[in-house]
Amino acid sequence: MPTLPLTSEAIAADSGFRIMLGAMWRLSKGYRWCPWRSPYLKWRIETYSGLHAERITAQDFWSFAWHNRRELVRFLRWADRMDAAGKQRH
């Protein structure tokens, strides 16, 4: 099976996916197999998008994540940098 060359886009996409997956794992504690039921994630989606938290379905959750994936990855990278900077101070 031929392998595809690693491009900067492929590496960035993989990095974004890993960041997103790691954040999803941390933020959906107690709801890891059904993150769309997490009150915290529903609240975050509600405050960002205006969707009512109590009406968010699995389809809404994944649609939101897919359509906002670039903004979500950008935010998560920023949050990682801020976390790292805070740890360097202490």
N, C-alpha and C. Protein backbone atom coordinates (compact mmCIF):
# COMPACT_ATOMS: atom_id res chain seq x y z
N MET A 1 0.85 -1.17 0.00
CA MET A 1 0.00 0.00 0.00
C MET A 1 0.89 1.24 0.00
N PRO A 2 0.71 2.13 -0.97
CA PRO A 2 1.56 3.32 -1.01
C PRO A 2 1.22 4.29 0.11
N THR A 3 2.23 4.97 0.60
CA THR A 3 2.00 5.97 1.64
C THR A 3 2.02 7.35 1.01
N LEU A 4 1.23 8.22 1.54
CA LEU A 4 1.18 9.59 1.05
C LEU A 4 2.26 10.41 1.73
N PRO A 5 2.87 11.32 1.00
CA PRO A 5 3.89 12.16 1.66
C PRO A 5 3.24 13.05 2.70
N LEU A 6 3.96 13.30 3.77
CA LEU A 6 3.44 14.19 4.82
C LEU A 6 3.64 15.62 4.37
N THR A 7 2.54 16.32 4.24
CA THR A 7 2.59 17.72 3.89
C THR A 7 2.31 18.53 5.15
N SER A 8 2.60 19.82 5.09
CA SER A 8 2.32 20.67 6.25
C SER A 8 0.83 20.69 6.53
N GLU A 9 -0.01 20.61 5.48
CA GLU A 9 -1.45 20.59 5.68
C GLU A 9 -1.88 19.31 6.40
N ALA A 10 -1.29 18.18 6.00
CA ALA A 10 -1.63 16.90 6.63
C ALA A 10 -1.21 16.89 8.10
N ILE A 11 -0.02 17.42 8.37
CA ILE A 11 0.46 17.47 9.75
C ILE A 11 -0.42 18.40 10.57
N ALA A 12 -0.76 19.55 10.02
CA ALA A 12 -1.62 20.50 10.74
C ALA A 12 -2.99 19.90 10.98
N ALA A 13 -3.54 19.20 10.00
CA ALA A 13 -4.85 18.58 10.17
C ALA A 13 -4.79 17.51 11.25
N ASP A 14 -3.74 16.69 11.24
CA ASP A 14 -3.59 15.66 12.26
C ASP A 14 -3.43 16.28 13.64
N SER A 15 -2.64 17.33 13.73
CA SER A 15 -2.43 18.02 15.00
C SER A 15 -3.74 18.59 15.51
N GLY A 16 -4.52 19.21 14.62
CA GLY A 16 -5.81 19.75 15.01
C GLY A 16 -6.76 18.68 15.48
N PHE A 17 -6.74 17.54 14.79
CA PHE A 17 -7.60 16.43 15.18
C PHE A 17 -7.21 15.92 16.56
N ARG A 18 -5.91 15.79 16.81
CA ARG A 18 -5.46 15.31 18.12
C ARG A 18 -5.81 16.28 19.22
N ILE A 19 -5.65 17.58 18.96
CA ILE A 19 -6.01 18.59 19.95
C ILE A 19 -7.50 18.51 20.26
N MET A 20 -8.31 18.41 19.20
CA MET A 20 -9.76 18.35 19.36
C MET A 20 -10.15 17.09 20.13
N LEU A 21 -9.56 15.97 19.78
CA LEU A 21 -9.89 14.72 20.45
C LEU A 21 -9.48 14.76 21.92
N GLY A 22 -8.31 15.31 22.21
CA GLY A 22 -7.86 15.42 23.59
C GLY A 22 -8.76 16.32 24.42
N ALA A 23 -9.15 17.43 23.83
CA ALA A 23 -10.05 18.35 24.55
C ALA A 23 -11.40 17.69 24.77
N MET A 24 -11.91 17.02 23.76
CA MET A 24 -13.20 16.34 23.89
C MET A 24 -13.14 15.31 25.02
N TRP A 25 -12.03 14.61 25.10
CA TRP A 25 -11.87 13.59 26.14
C TRP A 25 -11.90 14.23 27.53
N ARG A 26 -11.16 15.33 27.68
CA ARG A 26 -11.10 16.01 28.99
C ARG A 26 -12.42 16.66 29.36
N LEU A 27 -13.05 17.31 28.41
CA LEU A 27 -14.24 18.10 28.71
C LEU A 27 -15.52 17.28 28.81
N SER A 28 -15.49 16.07 28.32
CA SER A 28 -16.71 15.26 28.35
C SER A 28 -16.68 14.19 29.43
N LYS A 29 -15.88 14.41 30.47
CA LYS A 29 -15.77 13.43 31.55
C LYS A 29 -17.16 13.05 32.06
N GLY A 30 -17.40 11.76 32.14
CA GLY A 30 -18.69 11.25 32.55
C GLY A 30 -19.66 11.09 31.40
N TYR A 31 -19.30 11.64 30.23
CA TYR A 31 -20.16 11.57 29.04
C TYR A 31 -19.33 11.21 27.81
N ARG A 32 -18.25 10.48 28.00
CA ARG A 32 -17.30 10.25 26.90
C ARG A 32 -17.88 9.47 25.74
N TRP A 33 -18.81 8.59 25.96
CA TRP A 33 -19.40 7.84 24.86
C TRP A 33 -20.57 8.58 24.23
N CYS A 34 -21.01 9.66 24.87
CA CYS A 34 -22.11 10.48 24.32
C CYS A 34 -21.89 11.94 24.74
N PRO A 35 -20.85 12.58 24.18
CA PRO A 35 -20.49 13.93 24.62
C PRO A 35 -21.59 14.97 24.39
N TRP A 36 -22.50 14.71 23.49
CA TRP A 36 -23.60 15.65 23.26
C TRP A 36 -24.55 15.73 24.45
N ARG A 37 -24.42 14.83 25.41
CA ARG A 37 -25.25 14.88 26.62
C ARG A 37 -24.57 15.62 27.77
N SER A 38 -23.32 16.00 27.59
CA SER A 38 -22.57 16.69 28.64
C SER A 38 -23.17 18.08 28.88
N PRO A 39 -23.61 18.36 30.10
CA PRO A 39 -24.14 19.70 30.39
C PRO A 39 -23.14 20.80 30.11
N TYR A 40 -21.87 20.54 30.40
CA TYR A 40 -20.84 21.56 30.16
C TYR A 40 -20.69 21.85 28.67
N LEU A 41 -20.55 20.80 27.85
CA LEU A 41 -20.39 21.02 26.42
C LEU A 41 -21.64 21.63 25.81
N LYS A 42 -22.80 21.21 26.27
CA LYS A 42 -24.04 21.81 25.77
C LYS A 42 -24.11 23.30 26.12
N TRP A 43 -23.68 23.64 27.31
CA TRP A 43 -23.67 25.04 27.72
C TRP A 43 -22.70 25.85 26.86
N ARG A 44 -21.51 25.27 26.59
CA ARG A 44 -20.52 25.96 25.76
C ARG A 44 -21.07 26.19 24.35
N ILE A 45 -21.72 25.18 23.79
CA ILE A 45 -22.31 25.32 22.45
C ILE A 45 -23.41 26.38 22.47
N GLU A 46 -24.21 26.36 23.52
CA GLU A 46 -25.29 27.33 23.64
C GLU A 46 -24.74 28.76 23.69
N THR A 47 -23.71 28.99 24.49
CA THR A 47 -23.18 30.35 24.61
C THR A 47 -22.47 30.80 23.35
N TYR A 48 -21.91 29.87 22.59
CA TYR A 48 -21.19 30.23 21.35
C TYR A 48 -22.15 30.41 20.18
N SER A 49 -23.12 29.49 20.06
CA SER A 49 -23.94 29.46 18.85
C SER A 49 -25.36 29.98 19.03
N GLY A 50 -25.85 29.98 20.26
CA GLY A 50 -27.23 30.39 20.47
C GLY A 50 -28.22 29.23 20.44
N LEU A 51 -27.75 28.03 20.12
CA LEU A 51 -28.64 26.86 20.19
C LEU A 51 -29.03 26.65 21.65
N HIS A 52 -30.25 26.29 21.90
CA HIS A 52 -30.68 26.04 23.27
C HIS A 52 -30.11 24.70 23.74
N ALA A 53 -29.42 24.73 24.87
CA ALA A 53 -28.71 23.56 25.39
C ALA A 53 -29.63 22.36 25.55
N GLU A 54 -30.83 22.58 26.05
CA GLU A 54 -31.73 21.44 26.30
C GLU A 54 -32.24 20.80 25.01
N ARG A 55 -32.05 21.47 23.88
CA ARG A 55 -32.53 20.93 22.60
C ARG A 55 -31.42 20.34 21.74
N ILE A 56 -30.18 20.39 22.21
CA ILE A 56 -29.05 19.90 21.40
C ILE A 56 -29.08 18.38 21.33
N THR A 57 -29.11 17.87 20.12
CA THR A 57 -29.10 16.43 19.87
C THR A 57 -27.70 16.01 19.43
N ALA A 58 -27.50 14.71 19.27
CA ALA A 58 -26.22 14.21 18.78
C ALA A 58 -25.92 14.80 17.40
N GLN A 59 -26.92 14.87 16.55
CA GLN A 59 -26.73 15.44 15.22
C GLN A 59 -26.33 16.92 15.31
N ASP A 60 -26.99 17.68 16.18
CA ASP A 60 -26.63 19.09 16.36
C ASP A 60 -25.19 19.22 16.85
N PHE A 61 -24.83 18.38 17.82
CA PHE A 61 -23.49 18.42 18.40
C PHE A 61 -22.42 18.20 17.34
N TRP A 62 -22.55 17.10 16.57
CA TRP A 62 -21.53 16.77 15.58
C TRP A 62 -21.54 17.76 14.42
N SER A 63 -22.70 18.27 14.07
CA SER A 63 -22.80 19.28 13.03
C SER A 63 -22.08 20.56 13.47
N PHE A 64 -22.31 20.97 14.70
CA PHE A 64 -21.63 22.15 15.26
C PHE A 64 -20.12 21.93 15.25
N ALA A 65 -19.68 20.78 15.73
CA ALA A 65 -18.24 20.50 15.79
C ALA A 65 -17.62 20.51 14.40
N TRP A 66 -18.32 19.93 13.43
CA TRP A 66 -17.77 19.86 12.07
C TRP A 66 -17.73 21.25 11.43
N HIS A 67 -18.80 21.99 11.52
CA HIS A 67 -18.87 23.29 10.86
C HIS A 67 -17.99 24.34 11.53
N ASN A 68 -17.66 24.15 12.78
CA ASN A 68 -16.83 25.11 13.52
C ASN A 68 -15.45 24.56 13.85
N ARG A 69 -15.04 23.51 13.17
CA ARG A 69 -13.81 22.81 13.53
C ARG A 69 -12.58 23.71 13.49
N ARG A 70 -12.47 24.61 12.52
CA ARG A 70 -11.29 25.48 12.46
C ARG A 70 -11.25 26.42 13.65
N GLU A 71 -12.38 27.02 13.97
CA GLU A 71 -12.42 27.93 15.12
C GLU A 71 -12.17 27.18 16.42
N LEU A 72 -12.71 25.96 16.52
CA LEU A 72 -12.50 25.17 17.73
C LEU A 72 -11.04 24.80 17.91
N VAL A 73 -10.39 24.38 16.83
CA VAL A 73 -8.97 24.02 16.92
C VAL A 73 -8.14 25.25 17.25
N ARG A 74 -8.45 26.38 16.62
CA ARG A 74 -7.73 27.61 16.92
C ARG A 74 -7.87 27.98 18.40
N PHE A 75 -9.09 27.89 18.92
CA PHE A 75 -9.32 28.18 20.34
C PHE A 75 -8.56 27.20 21.23
N LEU A 76 -8.59 25.91 20.90
CA LEU A 76 -7.92 24.92 21.73
C LEU A 76 -6.41 25.09 21.71
N ARG A 77 -5.86 25.49 20.57
CA ARG A 77 -4.41 25.77 20.51
C ARG A 77 -4.08 26.97 21.40
N TRP A 78 -4.91 28.00 21.35
CA TRP A 78 -4.71 29.17 22.19
C TRP A 78 -4.78 28.77 23.67
N ALA A 79 -5.78 27.96 24.02
CA ALA A 79 -5.94 27.53 25.41
C ALA A 79 -4.72 26.72 25.87
N ASP A 80 -4.18 25.88 24.99
CA ASP A 80 -2.97 25.12 25.33
C ASP A 80 -1.78 26.06 25.57
N ARG A 81 -1.65 27.09 24.73
CA ARG A 81 -0.55 28.05 24.93
C ARG A 81 -0.71 28.80 26.25
N MET A 82 -1.93 29.19 26.57
CA MET A 82 -2.17 29.90 27.82
C MET A 82 -1.89 28.99 29.02
N ASP A 83 -2.28 27.73 28.91
CA ASP A 83 -2.02 26.77 29.98
C ASP A 83 -0.53 26.56 30.16
N ALA A 84 0.20 26.44 29.07
CA ALA A 84 1.65 26.26 29.14
C ALA A 84 2.32 27.49 29.74
N ALA A 85 1.86 28.68 29.34
CA ALA A 85 2.43 29.92 29.89
C ALA A 85 2.16 30.02 31.39
N GLY A 86 0.99 29.62 31.83
CA GLY A 86 0.67 29.65 33.26
C GLY A 86 1.52 28.68 34.04
N LYS A 87 1.80 27.53 33.46
CA LYS A 87 2.64 26.55 34.15
C LYS A 87 4.08 27.00 34.25
N GLN A 88 4.55 27.78 33.28
CA GLN A 88 5.93 28.28 33.31
C GLN A 88 6.12 29.30 34.43
N ARG A 89 5.07 30.03 34.75
CA ARG A 89 5.16 31.05 35.81
C ARG A 89 5.24 30.44 37.19
N HIS A 90 4.69 29.25 37.35
CA HIS A 90 4.65 28.63 38.68
C HIS A 90 5.74 27.66 38.86
